[in-house]
Amino acid sequence: MSDYRVAILTVSDRGAKGEREDLSGRTAQDVVEEQGWMVEARDIVPDEVEVIADRLRYYCDELAVNLVLTSGGTGLSPRDVTPEATRQVIEREAPGFSEAMRAASLNKTPHAMLSRAVSGIRSSTLIVNLPGSPRAVQENLEVILPALPHSLDKLCGDESECAS
């Protein structure tokens, strides 16, 4: 399968108020569309756990997209609550995505170790937390992109051998 359906959620108080252009969400959309995948939804919400969790549930349960990418809210500031909201929603963690992104990012900046991003599965949807800057979104997606098609196929029910 390669016709993946994607939702992109930017988490930003200022973006939700219209005070900041959503460049990170735009970057994620550009990368996804370059793969030929369909962006079904792209939204901006404030840094509020319940608002984020509700939108993630909507993407997974109502839209039934294959992949949700979040951007922002993964750092150490008191308002950074995207990982907490994601953990409320996922049924199983998929830590390899977040670990790979942090490891690759450490080659570029020591600040990568401040990331609390998580990744996980709800039903047949993969949710991946990305950083909030456009450059970091681009760099982190480049890290996980090679593994996404196989992962999404498996979530969609592909029963072929993983080592084939």
C-alpha atoms as a PDB file:
ATOM      1  CA  MET A   1       0.000   0.000   0.000  1.00  0.00           C
ATOM      2  CA  SER A   2       1.226   3.517  -0.619  1.00  0.00           C
ATOM      3  CA  ASP A   3      -1.907   5.654  -0.518  1.00  0.00           C
ATOM      4  CA  TYR A   4      -1.487   6.617   3.108  1.00  0.00           C
ATOM      5  CA  ARG A   5      -3.820   9.090   4.740  1.00  0.00           C
ATOM      6  CA  VAL A   6      -2.180  11.543   7.129  1.00  0.00           C
ATOM      7  CA  ALA A   7      -3.284  14.131   9.682  1.00  0.00           C
ATOM      8  CA  ILE A   8      -0.956  16.870  10.926  1.00  0.00           C
ATOM      9  CA  LEU A   9      -1.475  18.610  14.253  1.00  0.00           C
ATOM     10  CA  THR A  10       0.569  21.630  15.238  1.00  0.00           C
ATOM     11  CA  VAL A  11       0.543  22.342  18.967  1.00  0.00           C
ATOM     12  CA  SER A  12       1.192  26.018  19.621  1.00  0.00           C
ATOM     13  CA  ASP A  13      -0.550  28.572  21.823  1.00  0.00           C
ATOM     14  CA  ARG A  14       0.561  31.420  19.571  1.00  0.00           C
ATOM     15  CA  GLY A  15      -0.281  29.532  16.393  1.00  0.00           C
ATOM     16  CA  ALA A  16      -3.767  28.685  17.688  1.00  0.00           C
ATOM     17  CA  LYS A  17      -4.339  32.407  18.371  1.00  0.00           C
ATOM     18  CA  GLY A  18      -3.236  33.304  14.842  1.00  0.00           C
ATOM     19  CA  GLU A  19      -0.125  35.095  16.138  1.00  0.00           C
ATOM     20  CA  ARG A  20       2.316  32.761  14.386  1.00  0.00           C
ATOM     21  CA  GLU A  21       2.266  31.192  10.941  1.00  0.00           C
ATOM     22  CA  ASP A  22       2.273  27.383  11.016  1.00  0.00           C
ATOM     23  CA  LEU A  23       5.565  26.755   9.218  1.00  0.00           C
ATOM     24  CA  SER A  24       6.241  23.410  10.922  1.00  0.00           C
ATOM     25  CA  GLY A  25       2.853  22.002   9.893  1.00  0.00           C
ATOM     26  CA  ARG A  26       3.462  23.255   6.353  1.00  0.00           C
ATOM     27  CA  THR A  27       6.861  21.532   6.331  1.00  0.00           C
ATOM     28  CA  ALA A  28       5.346  18.243   7.489  1.00  0.00           C
ATOM     29  CA  GLN A  29       2.653  18.526   4.825  1.00  0.00           C
ATOM     30  CA  ASP A  30       5.238  19.195   2.115  1.00  0.00           C
ATOM     31  CA  VAL A  31       7.277  16.137   3.119  1.00  0.00           C
ATOM     32  CA  VAL A  32       4.204  13.901   3.257  1.00  0.00           C
ATOM     33  CA  GLU A  33       2.886  15.104  -0.083  1.00  0.00           C
ATOM     34  CA  GLU A  34       6.319  14.568  -1.683  1.00  0.00           C
ATOM     35  CA  GLN A  35       5.802  10.877  -0.795  1.00  0.00           C
ATOM     36  CA  GLY A  36       2.475  10.911  -2.616  1.00  0.00           C
ATOM     37  CA  TRP A  37       0.507  10.581   0.633  1.00  0.00           C
ATOM     38  CA  MET A  38      -2.780  12.411   1.215  1.00  0.00           C
ATOM     39  CA  VAL A  39      -3.093  14.982   3.994  1.00  0.00           C
ATOM     40  CA  GLU A  40      -6.654  14.540   5.249  1.00  0.00           C
ATOM     41  CA  ALA A  41      -6.464  17.164   7.999  1.00  0.00           C
ATOM     42  CA  ARG A  42      -4.074  19.831   9.238  1.00  0.00           C
ATOM     43  CA  ASP A  43      -4.927  21.797  12.361  1.00  0.00           C
ATOM     44  CA  ILE A  44      -3.427  24.010  15.040  1.00  0.00           C
ATOM     45  CA  VAL A  45      -4.417  23.686  18.686  1.00  0.00           C
ATOM     46  CA  PRO A  46      -3.179  25.313  21.904  1.00  0.00           C
ATOM     47  CA  ASP A  47      -0.914  23.539  24.388  1.00  0.00           C
ATOM     48  CA  GLU A  48      -3.792  21.960  26.337  1.00  0.00           C
ATOM     49  CA  VAL A  49      -3.730  18.224  27.089  1.00  0.00           C
ATOM     50  CA  GLU A  50      -7.449  17.575  26.582  1.00  0.00           C
ATOM     51  CA  VAL A  51      -7.665  19.633  23.375  1.00  0.00           C
ATOM     52  CA  ILE A  52      -4.678  17.782  21.901  1.00  0.00           C
ATOM     53  CA  ALA A  53      -5.957  14.364  23.026  1.00  0.00           C
ATOM     54  CA  ASP A  54      -9.442  15.041  21.631  1.00  0.00           C
ATOM     55  CA  ARG A  55      -8.023  15.984  18.225  1.00  0.00           C
ATOM     56  CA  LEU A  56      -5.777  12.903  18.175  1.00  0.00           C
ATOM     57  CA  ARG A  57      -8.761  10.681  18.982  1.00  0.00           C
ATOM     58  CA  TYR A  58     -10.764  12.339  16.200  1.00  0.00           C
ATOM     59  CA  TYR A  59      -7.993  11.692  13.660  1.00  0.00           C
ATOM     60  CA  CYS A  60      -7.644   8.054  14.723  1.00  0.00           C
ATOM     61  CA  ASP A  61     -11.249   7.087  15.450  1.00  0.00           C
ATOM     62  CA  GLU A  62     -13.319   9.253  13.112  1.00  0.00           C
ATOM     63  CA  LEU A  63     -11.014   9.979  10.179  1.00  0.00           C
ATOM     64  CA  ALA A  64      -9.167   6.649  10.582  1.00  0.00           C
ATOM     65  CA  VAL A  65      -5.984   8.063   9.077  1.00  0.00           C
ATOM     66  CA  ASN A  66      -2.890   5.867   8.849  1.00  0.00           C
ATOM     67  CA  LEU A  67      -0.470   8.390  10.342  1.00  0.00           C
ATOM     68  CA  VAL A  68      -0.734  11.391  12.660  1.00  0.00           C
ATOM     69  CA  LEU A  69       2.208  13.748  12.896  1.00  0.00           C
ATOM     70  CA  THR A  70       2.241  16.282  15.703  1.00  0.00           C
ATOM     71  CA  SER A  71       4.594  19.239  15.797  1.00  0.00           C
ATOM     72  CA  GLY A  72       5.485  21.157  18.921  1.00  0.00           C
ATOM     73  CA  GLY A  73       4.975  20.839  22.639  1.00  0.00           C
ATOM     74  CA  THR A  74       7.608  18.153  23.235  1.00  0.00           C
ATOM     75  CA  GLY A  75      10.191  20.125  25.217  1.00  0.00           C
ATOM     76  CA  LEU A  76      10.648  20.955  28.873  1.00  0.00           C
ATOM     77  CA  SER A  77       8.614  24.134  29.233  1.00  0.00           C
ATOM     78  CA  PRO A  78       5.580  23.950  31.535  1.00  0.00           C
ATOM     79  CA  ARG A  79       3.229  24.360  28.534  1.00  0.00           C
ATOM     80  CA  ASP A  80       4.848  21.493  26.560  1.00  0.00           C
ATOM     81  CA  VAL A  81       2.243  18.750  27.055  1.00  0.00           C
ATOM     82  CA  THR A  82       2.043  16.958  23.697  1.00  0.00           C
ATOM     83  CA  PRO A  83       3.670  13.740  25.021  1.00  0.00           C
ATOM     84  CA  GLU A  84       1.200  13.595  27.921  1.00  0.00           C
ATOM     85  CA  ALA A  85      -1.756  14.029  25.551  1.00  0.00           C
ATOM     86  CA  THR A  86      -0.350  11.418  23.179  1.00  0.00           C
ATOM     87  CA  ARG A  87       0.123   8.912  26.001  1.00  0.00           C
ATOM     88  CA  GLN A  88      -3.545   9.362  26.971  1.00  0.00           C
ATOM     89  CA  VAL A  89      -4.561   8.349  23.450  1.00  0.00           C
ATOM     90  CA  ILE A  90      -2.191   5.582  22.356  1.00  0.00           C
ATOM     91  CA  GLU A  91      -2.801   1.918  23.133  1.00  0.00           C
ATOM     92  CA  ARG A  92       0.773   0.756  22.488  1.00  0.00           C
ATOM     93  CA  GLU A  93       4.033   2.670  22.346  1.00  0.00           C
ATOM     94  CA  ALA A  94       6.328   2.541  19.308  1.00  0.00           C
ATOM     95  CA  PRO A  95       9.457   4.009  20.922  1.00  0.00           C
ATOM     96  CA  GLY A  96      11.868   3.258  18.083  1.00  0.00           C
ATOM     97  CA  PHE A  97      10.655   6.254  16.070  1.00  0.00           C
ATOM     98  CA  SER A  98      11.276   8.740  18.874  1.00  0.00           C
ATOM     99  CA  GLU A  99      14.559   7.086  19.846  1.00  0.00           C
ATOM    100  CA  ALA A 100      15.835   7.230  16.253  1.00  0.00           C
ATOM    101  CA  MET A 101      14.879  10.884  15.892  1.00  0.00           C
ATOM    102  CA  ARG A 102      16.577  11.837  19.163  1.00  0.00           C
ATOM    103  CA  ALA A 103      19.723   9.865  18.291  1.00  0.00           C
ATOM    104  CA  ALA A 104      20.044  11.447  14.853  1.00  0.00           C
ATOM    105  CA  SER A 105      19.286  14.915  16.212  1.00  0.00           C
ATOM    106  CA  LEU A 106      22.033  14.583  18.836  1.00  0.00           C
ATOM    107  CA  ASN A 107      24.517  14.627  15.947  1.00  0.00           C
ATOM    108  CA  LYS A 108      23.283  18.152  15.168  1.00  0.00           C
ATOM    109  CA  THR A 109      22.553  19.664  18.588  1.00  0.00           C
ATOM    110  CA  PRO A 110      22.890  18.685  22.246  1.00  0.00           C
ATOM    111  CA  HIS A 111      19.415  20.166  22.747  1.00  0.00           C
ATOM    112  CA  ALA A 112      17.976  17.020  21.137  1.00  0.00           C
ATOM    113  CA  MET A 113      18.202  15.328  24.527  1.00  0.00           C
ATOM    114  CA  LEU A 114      15.537  17.762  25.778  1.00  0.00           C
ATOM    115  CA  SER A 115      12.933  16.148  23.526  1.00  0.00           C
ATOM    116  CA  ARG A 116      10.234  14.185  25.330  1.00  0.00           C
ATOM    117  CA  ALA A 117       8.551  13.150  22.064  1.00  0.00           C
ATOM    118  CA  VAL A 118       6.698   9.847  22.068  1.00  0.00           C
ATOM    119  CA  SER A 119       5.328   7.639  19.320  1.00  0.00           C
ATOM    120  CA  GLY A 120       2.616   5.050  19.514  1.00  0.00           C
ATOM    121  CA  ILE A 121      -0.352   3.268  18.041  1.00  0.00           C
ATOM    122  CA  ARG A 122      -4.072   3.734  18.461  1.00  0.00           C
ATOM    123  CA  SER A 123      -6.073   1.113  16.611  1.00  0.00           C
ATOM    124  CA  SER A 124      -4.424   1.089  13.159  1.00  0.00           C
ATOM    125  CA  THR A 125      -3.012   4.626  13.331  1.00  0.00           C
ATOM    126  CA  LEU A 126       0.597   5.515  14.095  1.00  0.00           C
ATOM    127  CA  ILE A 127       1.092   8.780  16.017  1.00  0.00           C
ATOM    128  CA  VAL A 128       4.539  10.424  15.984  1.00  0.00           C
ATOM    129  CA  ASN A 129       5.461  13.546  17.967  1.00  0.00           C
ATOM    130  CA  LEU A 130       7.828  15.867  16.102  1.00  0.00           C
ATOM    131  CA  PRO A 131       9.638  18.984  17.329  1.00  0.00           C
ATOM    132  CA  GLY A 132       8.174  22.436  16.759  1.00  0.00           C
ATOM    133  CA  SER A 133      10.627  24.050  14.352  1.00  0.00           C
ATOM    134  CA  PRO A 134      10.309  23.611  10.585  1.00  0.00           C
ATOM    135  CA  ARG A 135      13.955  22.558  10.214  1.00  0.00           C
ATOM    136  CA  ALA A 136      13.651  19.968  12.995  1.00  0.00           C
ATOM    137  CA  VAL A 137      10.421  18.633  11.467  1.00  0.00           C
ATOM    138  CA  GLN A 138      12.205  18.184   8.135  1.00  0.00           C
ATOM    139  CA  GLU A 139      15.268  16.552   9.698  1.00  0.00           C
ATOM    140  CA  ASN A 140      13.277  14.217  11.946  1.00  0.00           C
ATOM    141  CA  LEU A 141      10.955  13.109   9.163  1.00  0.00           C
ATOM    142  CA  GLU A 142      14.005  12.296   7.026  1.00  0.00           C
ATOM    143  CA  VAL A 143      15.137   9.953   9.819  1.00  0.00           C
ATOM    144  CA  ILE A 144      11.889   7.993  10.138  1.00  0.00           C
ATOM    145  CA  LEU A 145      10.625   8.173   6.553  1.00  0.00           C
ATOM    146  CA  PRO A 146      12.420   4.995   5.405  1.00  0.00           C
ATOM    147  CA  ALA A 147      10.587   2.960   8.078  1.00  0.00           C
ATOM    148  CA  LEU A 148       7.139   4.503   7.726  1.00  0.00           C
ATOM    149  CA  PRO A 149       5.760   2.614   4.683  1.00  0.00           C
ATOM    150  CA  HIS A 150       6.533  -0.805   6.160  1.00  0.00           C
ATOM    151  CA  SER A 151       5.185   0.283   9.554  1.00  0.00           C
ATOM    152  CA  LEU A 152       1.974   1.644   8.095  1.00  0.00           C
ATOM    153  CA  ASP A 153       1.489  -1.449   5.945  1.00  0.00           C
ATOM    154  CA  LYS A 154       1.802  -3.631   9.043  1.00  0.00           C
ATOM    155  CA  LEU A 155      -0.737  -1.504  10.897  1.00  0.00           C
ATOM    156  CA  CYS A 156      -3.100  -1.868   7.914  1.00  0.00           C
ATOM    157  CA  GLY A 157      -2.940  -5.644   8.233  1.00  0.00           C
ATOM    158  CA  ASP A 158      -0.110  -6.696   5.911  1.00  0.00           C
ATOM    159  CA  GLU A 159       0.766 -10.207   7.061  1.00  0.00           C
ATOM    160  CA  SER A 160       3.896 -10.736   4.962  1.00  0.00           C
ATOM    161  CA  GLU A 161       7.136 -11.613   6.694  1.00  0.00           C
ATOM    162  CA  CYS A 162       9.013  -8.573   8.029  1.00  0.00           C
ATOM    163  CA  ALA A 163      12.392 -10.010   7.004  1.00  0.00           C
ATOM    164  CA  SER A 164      11.412 -10.705   3.388  1.00  0.00           C
END
